Amino acid sequence: MIRLYLFAEGPTEQTFAHQTLGPHLATRGVYLQRPVCIAHRKDKGKVHRGGGRKYLPMRNDIARFLKQEKSREVFFTTMIDLYEICPDCPGFDEAHGLPPRMRVEFLERRWAEDIGDERFLPFIQLHEFEACLFADPSCFSLIYDDSDKQIAALTKIAASCDSPEEIDDGQETAPSKRIIAEFPDYEGVKATFGPQLAGAIGLDAIRAKCPHFSAWLVRLESLGSKP
């Protein structure tokens, strides 16, 4: 039986993985353990979790799990944002200036090399979780009444890019910031509504519009076919 641990950027990814990714992967023989938020610091013996803002606590967190779970049937992955990724991540300076898809793939390779265990399959989101909601902005009608104008604005943004994953990571123009500009109260409820909306859109629609996400999911699905 293949088991998978997932280290999440925060509660939004944690909930999405639990509610949507887990059941899907189980149909492929890959059983997701309850996702955990990634560590960002350790203070007086207590591990503080959520938001990968420093690399060493993340690395130590992953290494600890790898040491505890030595089976070749146990794998590890992440859902960490490229948006505001910690500058001490391996390859950060070298990746500067690369196109987003190439940059994120380079950082993932360097992260895997630094951990040095083939069971670790890092995934860095382009540029953050909310990009997947641009796969079908009409989903916001499920929670916001009279939202045609706002949905049209988000749809226009999505249409301006080849993929929602290419929506930039500016402080005011990252995917979540663009959603909040149209639906201000989303900021306070995104950990709840974000996973619900992504689940309503569905994995097929998201992966059709988000190739980097899709490639990661294919890689996880393939674990179930390993001898």
Foldseek 3Di string as FASTA:
>chain_A
DAEEEEAEQALLVQVLCVPAVQVVLVVLVYHYDRYHFAFCDADPNDTDGHHNQDVPSRLVVVLVVCVVDVDPRYAYEYEHFQQNHHCVQPCNVVLPPPQPVVSQVVSQVRNCVVSVDPRYRYAYALGHLLLLCLLQLVLVCVPDPPLPVLSVVSVVQCVVDQASSNFDNDPCGNNVNSNCVSVVCCVVCCSPVVSVSSVVCPPVSSCVRPVSVVVSSVVSSCSSVDD
